[in-house]
Amino acid sequence: MDLFYWRFDIESSVRWITENNFQRVALQFCEDLYKDSIKIYLEIKNKLPPSTELAIIADNKYNSCCLDEINAEHLRSDCLIHYGEACFSPNSYKTKFPVKYVFPKKSLNLSTFGENLKKFMTKNPEEMIATTRYVVVYGLAYHYLRDEITSCFKELNVLFHCPIIEEYSADDGDNQTATDEHKFHQHFVGRNFKFSAEDRKTIKIIYIGGEDSFITSLLMRLNECSCAIYKVEEDSFVDGWSCNKLLKKRYYMVEKARDANFIGIIVSTFSNFSTQVIEKLKTSIRQVGKRYRIYSPGSLNPAKLANVSEFDAFVYVSCPLNAFIDCSDYLQPIVTPYEMLLACKRTFAWTGDYLLDLGELARKVNADDDDTLVGDVTMDVSLITGRTRKIGLGEYEQQQQQQRHRNNKNNNKRSCCHGDESCCHSDEDGDVKEIACLGSRSIAAQSSYGEHWSARSWRGLEMKLGETDVVAVVDGCTGIPTSYQHECKQ
């Protein structure tokens, strides 16, 4: 069999389309597979009837690991085939497409892996092996070798659990309730874990793959477990791999979020639970006296966020595989929803459970009682700036905020004033703006955003009305910038 056919499982995709009689098929690719998308398209197209139409989805709305059902709907597709790394997040889009996941295969030398595994296990004392439960996790590229990997561990008579990636539909996330918390904890990015929270300290994770985003997210979620990574390309084990440095960086980001006053909520997922998490974020941010705006830039990059420098920090609502953003190239800190709740709510004190899955976080916030009371204001000292900061709203401030929201619902039209007086109106977040009016023109707005704007050193092009003399129209420059006609020629 051709290596390309074997790696991308072309025959299986053709069989799936033919058996289900799909006429319009959307092919979605991760970024690292764009270079192979045209060849995959042609190989599948040549094996299907001429009436079957195929389309490539390469410009994904958000992250390429999430199903892009919106673009598939725009193409009027009957089904969707996803190629590459997948997060298996349940989708909130109204249309439920038949979905097939294709994981590009990578080779694994099983004999070399078995020998290295025996050497790795013999390094550990027998007492440790007897008291440790080994959990084997493999990358999606080695899913086709799940039975062979399982047999390698069975020969060692070691108690272990090998998570198997099962077919996962969008309906599975809806069927889980808040009382089914233990069952939900078993599912993380398509893998099923069957151990309780009490067993974490005695568990050692063996990951077959590399240092990728999945193992980083998994160890952040199960930070009490130890880990060893088998690097397939190097055929060697790396023991003692942890996320301690990343945890320190993330706690620094939490402190930056506590110092921020204007928060941007970035939506970058179609998950069923994103709406619930965003609503809780809005409530929590408002309760501690901060302001927010929802911002949806699509695919994230430093240039897009640099254009909105008004924000002090961002909350990135995404799937677990893309939860952590390297902020070295960004002007503002970017935190996860869980980290933002840590910064705003006392009930989210650090417990060791780093919640990255939006479904798990949604159940946590739904079960959590509102701990912010009227007049519950505390003073804190920033660990970054050393300055004192106020957390929460006073009784008067909270009453004013509630009154503004009631007025905003009842009055859809802004107030109009005449003469030398001022009027107030509130936006959808309850931010009061005092507009000073002279005659029929409003000339200024005082608010927290206005204060930020007035403090900027450069405000863009300015009209400067009334500050320049009125002159007659004259001829401008003629020519090109390197040599205008009115300039002296040298």
Protein backbone atom coordinates (compact mmCIF):
# COMPACT_ATOMS: atom_id res chain seq x y z
CA MET A 1 0.00 0.00 0.00
CA ASP A 2 1.21 3.50 -0.80
CA LEU A 3 2.63 5.33 2.24
CA PHE A 4 0.45 8.37 1.58
CA TYR A 5 -2.70 6.21 1.42
CA TRP A 6 -1.72 4.48 4.64
CA ARG A 7 -0.90 7.67 6.54
CA PHE A 8 -4.15 9.50 5.75
CA ASP A 9 -6.42 6.44 5.57
CA ILE A 10 -7.80 7.34 2.14
CA GLU A 11 -9.65 4.06 1.66
CA SER A 12 -11.53 4.43 4.92
CA SER A 13 -12.69 7.95 4.04
CA VAL A 14 -13.90 6.85 0.60
CA ARG A 15 -15.73 3.90 2.11
CA TRP A 16 -17.43 6.11 4.71
CA ILE A 17 -18.64 8.58 2.07
CA THR A 18 -19.89 5.83 -0.25
CA GLU A 19 -21.71 3.80 2.40
CA ASN A 20 -23.59 6.85 3.69
CA ASN A 21 -24.27 8.23 0.20
CA PHE A 22 -22.98 11.72 0.98
CA GLN A 23 -23.12 14.09 -1.99
CA ARG A 24 -21.38 17.19 -0.57
CA VAL A 25 -18.36 16.58 1.65
CA ALA A 26 -16.27 19.16 3.54
CA LEU A 27 -12.63 18.34 4.32
CA GLN A 28 -11.14 20.26 7.25
CA PHE A 29 -7.38 20.31 7.80
CA CYS A 30 -5.14 21.45 10.62
CA GLU A 31 -2.51 24.04 9.79
CA ASP A 32 0.35 21.54 9.58
CA LEU A 33 -1.56 19.55 6.94
CA TYR A 34 -2.33 22.38 4.52
CA LYS A 35 0.48 21.24 2.29
CA ASP A 36 -1.14 17.81 1.87
CA SER A 37 -4.73 19.00 1.49
CA ILE A 38 -4.79 19.24 -2.31
CA LYS A 39 -3.35 15.76 -2.79
CA ILE A 40 -5.81 14.25 -0.30
CA TYR A 41 -8.66 16.04 -2.07
CA LEU A 42 -7.62 14.67 -5.46
CA GLU A 43 -7.08 11.11 -4.22
CA ILE A 44 -10.54 10.98 -2.64
CA LYS A 45 -12.18 12.75 -5.58
CA ASN A 46 -10.79 10.25 -8.09
CA LYS A 47 -12.33 7.33 -6.18
CA LEU A 48 -15.83 8.82 -5.88
CA PRO A 49 -18.60 9.25 -8.47
CA PRO A 50 -18.50 12.51 -10.46
CA SER A 51 -21.70 13.70 -8.78
CA THR A 52 -20.02 13.81 -5.33
CA GLU A 53 -18.68 17.28 -4.54
CA LEU A 54 -15.76 17.94 -2.18
CA ALA A 55 -14.54 21.19 -0.62
CA ILE A 56 -11.49 22.06 1.47
CA ILE A 57 -11.84 24.10 4.67
CA ALA A 58 -8.45 25.61 5.38
CA ASP A 59 -9.22 29.11 6.67
CA ASN A 60 -10.72 28.01 9.98
CA LYS A 61 -12.84 30.44 11.97
CA TYR A 62 -11.05 29.68 15.23
CA ASN A 63 -8.66 26.87 16.13
CA SER A 64 -8.09 24.15 13.57
CA CYS A 65 -8.51 21.40 16.17
CA CYS A 66 -12.18 22.40 16.64
CA LEU A 67 -14.83 21.37 14.14
CA ASP A 68 -15.64 24.26 11.82
CA GLU A 69 -19.31 23.53 11.25
CA ILE A 70 -20.11 27.11 10.26
CA ASN A 71 -17.95 26.95 7.14
CA ALA A 72 -19.29 23.48 6.46
CA GLU A 73 -22.83 24.87 6.66
CA HIS A 74 -21.91 27.68 4.27
CA LEU A 75 -20.80 25.02 1.82
CA ARG A 76 -24.11 23.16 2.36
CA SER A 77 -22.17 20.01 3.18
CA ASP A 78 -23.74 16.71 4.18
CA CYS A 79 -20.80 15.67 6.36
CA LEU A 80 -17.41 16.76 7.63
CA ILE A 81 -14.08 14.91 7.66
CA HIS A 82 -11.51 16.35 10.07
CA TYR A 83 -7.79 15.67 9.49
CA GLY A 84 -5.18 16.17 12.18
CA GLU A 85 -5.09 16.97 15.88
CA ALA A 86 -8.59 17.19 17.39
CA CYS A 87 -9.90 18.43 20.73
CA PHE A 88 -13.29 16.60 20.50
CA SER A 89 -15.09 19.59 21.98
CA PRO A 90 -18.90 19.32 21.82
CA ASN A 91 -20.23 21.83 19.36
CA SER A 92 -22.92 24.39 20.08
CA TYR A 93 -23.80 25.06 16.45
CA LYS A 94 -27.40 24.23 15.54
CA THR A 95 -26.53 21.80 12.75
CA LYS A 96 -25.27 18.35 13.74
CA PHE A 97 -23.08 17.07 10.95
CA PRO A 98 -21.95 13.50 10.61
CA VAL A 99 -18.25 13.78 11.47
CA LYS A 100 -15.33 11.48 10.77
CA TYR A 101 -11.94 12.01 12.40
CA VAL A 102 -8.80 11.00 10.52
CA PHE A 103 -5.57 10.96 12.52
CA PRO A 104 -2.47 11.03 10.27
CA LYS A 105 -0.44 7.98 11.23
CA LYS A 106 3.17 7.95 12.36
CA SER A 107 5.41 4.90 12.57
CA LEU A 108 6.44 3.42 15.91
CA ASN A 109 9.09 0.72 16.30
CA LEU A 110 7.29 -1.60 18.72
CA SER A 111 10.28 -3.83 19.40
CA THR A 112 12.49 -0.86 20.31
CA PHE A 113 9.67 0.59 22.38
CA GLY A 114 9.25 -2.69 24.28
CA GLU A 115 12.97 -2.89 25.07
CA ASN A 116 13.14 0.73 26.21
CA LEU A 117 10.03 0.18 28.32
CA LYS A 118 11.60 -2.77 30.14
CA LYS A 119 14.76 -0.76 30.80
CA PHE A 120 12.69 2.14 32.08
CA MET A 121 10.68 -0.07 34.42
CA THR A 122 13.74 -1.85 35.83
CA LYS A 123 15.14 1.51 36.97
CA ASN A 124 12.25 1.91 39.40
CA PRO A 125 12.33 0.01 42.72
CA GLU A 126 9.94 -2.90 43.10
CA GLU A 127 8.17 -1.13 45.96
CA MET A 128 7.44 1.84 43.71
CA ILE A 129 6.14 -0.41 40.93
CA ALA A 130 3.86 -2.20 43.38
CA THR A 131 2.34 1.02 44.74
CA THR A 132 2.19 2.98 41.46
CA ARG A 133 -0.58 2.82 38.94
CA TYR A 134 0.67 3.49 35.42
CA VAL A 135 -1.64 5.32 33.04
CA VAL A 136 -0.63 5.04 29.40
CA VAL A 137 -1.64 7.85 27.07
CA TYR A 138 -0.66 8.00 23.42
CA GLY A 139 -0.83 10.67 20.75
CA LEU A 140 -3.52 10.56 18.10
CA ALA A 141 -0.95 9.56 15.50
CA TYR A 142 -0.49 6.18 17.28
CA HIS A 143 -4.14 5.39 17.83
CA TYR A 144 -3.99 2.68 15.18
CA LEU A 145 -1.45 0.81 17.37
CA ARG A 146 -3.58 0.81 20.53
CA ASP A 147 -3.81 -3.00 20.71
CA GLU A 148 -0.06 -3.45 20.19
CA ILE A 149 0.74 -0.82 22.83
CA THR A 150 -1.62 -2.53 25.28
CA SER A 151 0.10 -5.90 24.73
CA CYS A 152 3.52 -4.37 25.48
CA PHE A 153 2.38 -3.37 28.95
CA LYS A 154 0.50 -6.58 29.67
CA GLU A 155 3.72 -8.56 29.35
CA LEU A 156 5.16 -6.66 32.31
CA ASN A 157 2.26 -7.51 34.64
CA VAL A 158 1.93 -3.85 35.53
CA LEU A 159 -1.38 -2.39 36.65
CA PHE A 160 -2.22 0.26 34.09
CA HIS A 161 -5.02 1.82 32.16
CA CYS A 162 -4.72 2.61 28.48
CA PRO A 163 -7.24 5.31 27.49
CA ILE A 164 -8.94 4.61 24.20
CA ILE A 165 -10.20 7.45 22.05
CA GLU A 166 -13.81 6.63 21.28
CA GLU A 167 -16.29 8.10 18.83
CA TYR A 168 -17.42 11.36 20.35
CA SER A 169 -20.46 13.30 19.15
CA ALA A 170 -21.68 16.73 20.10
CA ASP A 171 -24.67 15.23 21.92
CA ASP A 172 -22.43 13.51 24.50
CA GLY A 173 -21.63 16.82 26.17
CA ASP A 174 -25.31 17.70 26.50
CA ASN A 175 -26.25 14.43 28.19
CA GLN A 176 -23.92 14.94 31.15
CA THR A 177 -25.42 16.67 34.12
CA ALA A 178 -23.92 18.55 37.01
CA THR A 179 -24.44 15.58 39.33
CA ASP A 180 -22.41 13.35 37.02
CA GLU A 181 -19.19 15.05 38.00
CA HIS A 182 -17.08 11.92 38.48
CA LYS A 183 -17.95 10.58 35.04
CA PHE A 184 -17.08 13.90 33.44
CA HIS A 185 -13.67 13.94 35.08
CA GLN A 186 -12.88 10.73 33.22
CA HIS A 187 -13.13 12.49 29.87
CA PHE A 188 -10.44 14.93 28.74
CA VAL A 189 -9.75 15.82 25.10
CA GLY A 190 -11.21 12.57 23.83
CA ARG A 191 -9.45 10.29 26.32
CA ASN A 192 -11.31 8.35 28.98
CA PHE A 193 -9.67 8.08 32.39
CA LYS A 194 -11.06 5.60 34.89
CA PHE A 195 -9.52 6.54 38.21
CA SER A 196 -10.80 8.61 41.09
CA ALA A 197 -9.38 11.85 42.41
CA GLU A 198 -7.94 10.08 45.46
CA ASP A 199 -5.64 7.94 43.28
CA ARG A 200 -3.84 10.83 41.59
CA LYS A 201 -0.85 10.91 43.92
CA THR A 202 -0.09 7.24 43.17
CA ILE A 203 -0.45 7.58 39.40
CA LYS A 204 2.36 7.91 36.91
CA ILE A 205 1.47 8.97 33.35
CA ILE A 206 3.43 7.47 30.47
CA TYR A 207 2.84 9.49 27.31
CA ILE A 208 3.82 8.16 23.90
CA GLY A 209 4.42 11.10 21.62
CA GLY A 210 6.31 14.30 22.35
CA GLU A 211 6.17 17.55 24.27
CA ASP A 212 3.01 18.86 22.64
CA SER A 213 0.01 20.94 23.74
CA PHE A 214 -2.00 17.89 24.80
CA ILE A 215 0.42 16.57 27.41
CA THR A 216 0.91 20.12 28.71
CA SER A 217 -2.84 20.57 29.18
CA LEU A 218 -3.19 17.09 30.68
CA LEU A 219 -0.46 17.62 33.27
CA MET A 220 -1.90 20.99 34.20
CA ARG A 221 -5.23 19.28 34.80
CA LEU A 222 -3.65 16.32 36.66
CA ASN A 223 -0.79 18.25 38.24
CA GLU A 224 -0.54 15.84 41.18
CA CYS A 225 0.53 13.00 38.88
CA SER A 226 4.10 12.35 37.83
CA CYS A 227 4.88 11.87 34.15
CA ALA A 228 7.33 10.21 31.79
CA ILE A 229 7.36 10.95 28.05
CA TYR A 230 8.48 8.48 25.43
CA LYS A 231 9.85 10.55 22.55
CA VAL A 232 9.23 8.42 19.47
CA GLU A 233 11.64 10.32 17.24
CA GLU A 234 14.49 9.79 19.71
CA ASP A 235 13.37 6.34 20.98
CA SER A 236 14.00 7.35 24.58
CA PHE A 237 12.14 8.03 27.83
CA VAL A 238 12.24 11.38 29.60
CA ASP A 239 11.28 10.90 33.26
CA GLY A 240 10.24 13.55 35.74
CA TRP A 241 8.60 15.88 33.21
CA SER A 242 6.36 18.42 34.96
CA CYS A 243 4.62 21.77 34.52
CA ASN A 244 6.04 23.52 37.58
CA LYS A 245 7.57 26.33 35.54
CA LEU A 246 4.35 26.79 33.61
CA LEU A 247 2.37 26.92 36.86
CA LYS A 248 4.57 29.76 38.08
CA LYS A 249 4.02 31.66 34.86
CA ARG A 250 0.27 31.14 35.03
CA TYR A 251 0.10 32.38 38.61
CA TYR A 252 1.94 35.50 37.46
CA MET A 253 -0.78 35.93 34.81
CA VAL A 254 -3.45 35.62 37.51
CA GLU A 255 -1.80 38.50 39.39
CA LYS A 256 -1.76 40.57 36.19
CA ALA A 257 -5.46 39.86 35.75
CA ARG A 258 -6.14 41.09 39.29
CA ASP A 259 -4.41 44.37 38.45
CA ALA A 260 -6.36 44.84 35.20
CA ASN A 261 -9.40 47.14 35.09
CA PHE A 262 -10.55 46.68 31.48
CA ILE A 263 -10.89 43.03 30.42
CA GLY A 264 -11.32 41.73 26.88
CA ILE A 265 -13.15 38.40 26.59
CA ILE A 266 -11.94 36.61 23.46
CA VAL A 267 -14.28 33.93 22.13
CA SER A 268 -12.44 31.24 20.19
CA THR A 269 -14.55 28.09 20.34
CA PHE A 270 -17.94 26.69 19.37
CA SER A 271 -18.23 24.64 22.55
CA ASN A 272 -21.65 23.96 24.04
CA PHE A 273 -20.51 25.40 27.37
CA SER A 274 -18.80 28.58 26.17
CA THR A 275 -21.98 30.66 26.63
CA GLN A 276 -22.37 29.58 30.26
CA VAL A 277 -18.72 30.32 31.03
CA ILE A 278 -18.85 33.73 29.33
CA GLU A 279 -21.96 34.74 31.27
CA LYS A 280 -20.27 33.78 34.54
CA LEU A 281 -17.16 35.72 33.53
CA LYS A 282 -19.22 38.82 32.79
CA THR A 283 -20.95 38.60 36.16
CA SER A 284 -17.73 38.00 38.11
CA ILE A 285 -15.84 40.80 36.36
CA ARG A 286 -18.66 43.25 36.98
CA GLN A 287 -18.98 42.28 40.65
CA VAL A 288 -15.38 43.22 41.43
CA GLY A 289 -15.74 46.63 39.80
CA LYS A 290 -13.95 45.86 36.52
CA ARG A 291 -15.18 46.46 32.99
CA TYR A 292 -15.24 44.07 30.04
CA ARG A 293 -15.88 43.83 26.33
CA ILE A 294 -16.43 40.69 24.25
CA TYR A 295 -13.96 40.53 21.38
CA SER A 296 -13.93 37.94 18.61
CA PRO A 297 -10.87 38.41 16.37
CA GLY A 298 -10.99 34.91 14.86
CA SER A 299 -7.58 33.28 14.72
CA LEU A 300 -5.35 34.89 17.31
CA ASN A 301 -2.11 36.75 16.57
CA PRO A 302 -0.16 39.61 18.23
CA ALA A 303 -1.01 42.15 15.51
CA LYS A 304 -4.77 41.87 16.06
CA LEU A 305 -4.55 42.35 19.81
CA ALA A 306 -2.06 45.20 19.44
CA ASN A 307 -4.77 47.18 17.66
CA VAL A 308 -6.91 47.19 20.82
CA SER A 309 -4.45 48.51 23.36
CA GLU A 310 -7.29 49.83 25.56
CA PHE A 311 -7.61 46.41 27.18
CA ASP A 312 -5.47 45.71 30.24
CA ALA A 313 -5.83 41.91 29.95
CA PHE A 314 -7.60 39.28 27.88
CA VAL A 315 -9.54 36.14 28.78
CA TYR A 316 -9.13 33.46 26.11
CA VAL A 317 -12.20 31.20 25.96
CA SER A 318 -11.06 28.21 23.93
CA CYS A 319 -10.71 24.43 23.94
CA PRO A 320 -8.16 22.78 26.31
CA LEU A 321 -5.58 22.21 23.56
CA ASN A 322 -5.25 25.96 22.94
CA ALA A 323 -5.88 27.25 26.45
CA PHE A 324 -2.33 28.47 27.10
CA ILE A 325 -1.00 31.27 24.94
CA ASP A 326 2.65 32.29 25.00
CA CYS A 327 2.34 35.97 25.91
CA SER A 328 5.93 36.89 25.09
CA ASP A 329 4.86 38.45 21.77
CA TYR A 330 1.71 40.13 23.11
CA LEU A 331 1.35 43.51 24.80
CA GLN A 332 -1.28 42.35 27.31
CA PRO A 333 -1.49 39.20 29.44
CA ILE A 334 -3.85 36.45 28.22
CA VAL A 335 -5.43 34.21 30.85
CA THR A 336 -7.80 31.27 30.80
CA PRO A 337 -11.41 31.55 32.09
CA TYR A 338 -10.44 29.57 35.19
CA GLU A 339 -7.57 31.95 35.91
CA MET A 340 -9.86 34.96 35.52
CA LEU A 341 -12.31 33.44 37.99
CA LEU A 342 -9.39 32.85 40.36
CA ALA A 343 -8.61 36.54 40.10
CA CYS A 344 -12.22 37.63 40.75
CA LYS A 345 -13.85 35.07 43.05
CA ARG A 346 -12.74 33.84 46.45
CA THR A 347 -14.53 30.51 46.06
CA PHE A 348 -12.09 29.69 43.26
CA ALA A 349 -9.12 29.53 45.59
CA TRP A 350 -6.27 27.34 44.43
CA THR A 351 -7.11 23.68 45.14
CA GLY A 352 -4.81 21.90 42.67
CA ASP A 353 -7.61 21.34 40.13
CA TYR A 354 -6.69 23.37 37.06
CA LEU A 355 -9.92 23.39 35.04
CA LEU A 356 -9.33 23.75 31.30
CA ASP A 357 -12.34 21.93 29.86
CA LEU A 358 -15.21 24.41 29.46
CA GLY A 359 -17.80 21.76 30.30
CA GLU A 360 -16.10 20.95 33.59
CA LEU A 361 -15.69 24.63 34.37
CA ALA A 362 -19.35 25.34 33.54
CA ARG A 363 -20.49 22.70 36.03
CA LYS A 364 -18.19 24.16 38.64
CA VAL A 365 -19.50 27.71 38.27
CA ASN A 366 -23.13 26.55 38.10
CA ALA A 367 -22.75 24.68 41.39
CA ASP A 368 -20.92 27.60 42.97
CA ASP A 369 -22.98 30.04 45.03
CA ASP A 370 -22.58 33.75 44.47
CA ASP A 371 -20.09 34.76 47.14
CA THR A 372 -20.04 38.48 46.40
CA LEU A 373 -22.18 40.36 48.91
CA VAL A 374 -23.37 43.94 48.81
CA GLY A 375 -20.73 46.12 50.42
CA ASP A 376 -18.20 43.26 50.45
CA VAL A 377 -15.04 45.23 49.64
CA THR A 378 -11.55 44.04 50.42
CA MET A 379 -8.19 45.72 49.95
CA ASP A 380 -5.26 43.80 48.55
CA VAL A 381 -1.65 44.48 47.62
CA SER A 382 -0.46 43.67 44.13
CA LEU A 383 2.50 41.31 44.06
CA ILE A 384 3.62 42.91 40.78
CA THR A 385 3.27 46.67 41.27
CA GLY A 386 3.28 46.77 45.08
CA ARG A 387 0.27 49.08 45.08
CA THR A 388 -2.97 48.57 46.95
CA ARG A 389 -6.05 47.61 44.96
CA LYS A 390 -9.73 47.40 45.81
CA ILE A 391 -11.61 44.18 45.13
CA GLY A 392 -15.38 44.31 45.02
CA LEU A 393 -18.03 47.04 45.01
CA GLY A 394 -19.25 49.04 47.95
CA GLU A 395 -22.92 49.17 48.89
CA TYR A 396 -23.42 52.54 47.20
CA GLU A 397 -21.52 51.50 44.07
CA GLN A 398 -23.48 48.29 43.76
CA GLN A 399 -26.79 50.11 44.13
CA GLN A 400 -25.75 52.59 41.49
CA GLN A 401 -24.73 49.78 39.14
CA GLN A 402 -28.06 48.00 39.58
CA GLN A 403 -29.94 51.26 39.02
CA ARG A 404 -27.99 51.90 35.81
CA HIS A 405 -28.85 48.43 34.50
CA ARG A 406 -32.53 48.97 35.26
CA ASN A 407 -32.48 52.34 33.52
CA ASN A 408 -30.66 50.86 30.56
CA LYS A 409 -33.37 48.24 30.11
CA ASN A 410 -36.22 50.72 30.40
CA ASN A 411 -34.74 53.47 28.26
CA ASN A 412 -33.46 52.48 24.84
CA LYS A 413 -33.01 56.07 23.73
CA ARG A 414 -30.23 58.27 24.97
CA SER A 415 -31.05 61.43 26.83
CA CYS A 416 -30.81 64.69 24.97
CA CYS A 417 -29.86 67.91 26.68
CA HIS A 418 -29.74 71.54 25.61
CA GLY A 419 -27.92 74.52 26.96
CA ASP A 420 -24.93 74.62 29.28
CA GLU A 421 -25.66 71.51 31.29
CA SER A 422 -24.65 67.86 31.35
CA CYS A 423 -26.49 64.57 30.99
CA CYS A 424 -25.63 60.96 31.78
CA HIS A 425 -26.24 57.71 29.97
CA SER A 426 -24.95 54.18 30.52
CA ASP A 427 -23.77 51.61 28.04
CA GLU A 428 -24.70 47.94 28.13
CA ASP A 429 -22.13 47.25 30.86
CA GLY A 430 -23.32 50.01 33.16
CA ASP A 431 -20.41 52.35 32.48
CA VAL A 432 -21.64 55.89 33.20
CA LYS A 433 -20.59 58.54 30.73
CA GLU A 434 -21.13 62.22 31.54
CA ILE A 435 -21.46 64.26 28.39
CA ALA A 436 -20.93 68.00 28.66
CA CYS A 437 -22.93 69.92 26.08
CA LEU A 438 -22.53 73.42 24.69
CA GLY A 439 -25.49 74.45 22.61
CA SER A 440 -26.45 71.45 20.46
CA ARG A 441 -23.00 69.87 20.34
CA SER A 442 -21.54 67.41 22.81
CA ILE A 443 -17.85 68.08 23.28
CA ALA A 444 -16.59 65.66 25.90
CA ALA A 445 -17.32 62.38 27.63
CA GLN A 446 -16.00 61.53 31.07
CA SER A 447 -15.69 57.84 31.90
CA SER A 448 -13.03 55.28 32.72
CA TYR A 449 -12.52 54.77 29.00
CA GLY A 450 -12.32 58.53 28.45
CA GLU A 451 -9.67 58.84 31.13
CA HIS A 452 -7.65 56.14 29.43
CA TRP A 453 -8.03 57.91 26.09
CA SER A 454 -6.96 61.27 27.49
CA ALA A 455 -3.85 59.69 29.02
CA ARG A 456 -2.60 58.35 25.69
CA SER A 457 0.39 60.11 24.16
CA TRP A 458 -0.88 59.62 20.58
CA ARG A 459 -4.57 59.66 19.72
CA GLY A 460 -4.47 59.28 15.96
CA LEU A 461 -5.34 61.93 13.39
CA GLU A 462 -6.95 64.97 14.98
CA MET A 463 -9.44 67.35 13.34
CA LYS A 464 -8.38 70.43 15.37
CA LEU A 465 -11.58 72.27 14.48
CA GLY A 466 -11.30 76.00 15.04
CA GLU A 467 -7.57 75.87 15.67
CA THR A 468 -6.41 76.49 12.08
CA ASP A 469 -6.94 79.55 9.86
CA VAL A 470 -9.32 79.38 6.93
CA VAL A 471 -7.45 79.90 3.65
CA ALA A 472 -8.39 79.79 -0.01
CA VAL A 473 -7.93 76.64 -2.06
CA VAL A 474 -4.48 76.54 -3.67
CA ASP A 475 -2.65 74.08 -5.88
CA GLY A 476 -0.90 71.29 -4.05
CA CYS A 477 2.34 69.47 -4.80
CA THR A 478 2.85 68.02 -8.26
CA GLY A 479 5.01 65.00 -9.01
CA ILE A 480 6.24 62.11 -6.91
CA PRO A 481 7.57 62.25 -3.34
CA THR A 482 11.18 61.82 -4.44
CA SER A 483 11.00 64.84 -6.74
CA TYR A 484 8.17 67.40 -6.53
CA GLN A 485 8.16 70.10 -9.18
CA HIS A 486 8.35 72.96 -6.68
CA GLU A 487 11.47 71.51 -5.04
CA CYS A 488 14.89 72.67 -6.10
CA LYS A 489 16.67 70.20 -8.33
CA GLN A 490 20.18 69.44 -7.25
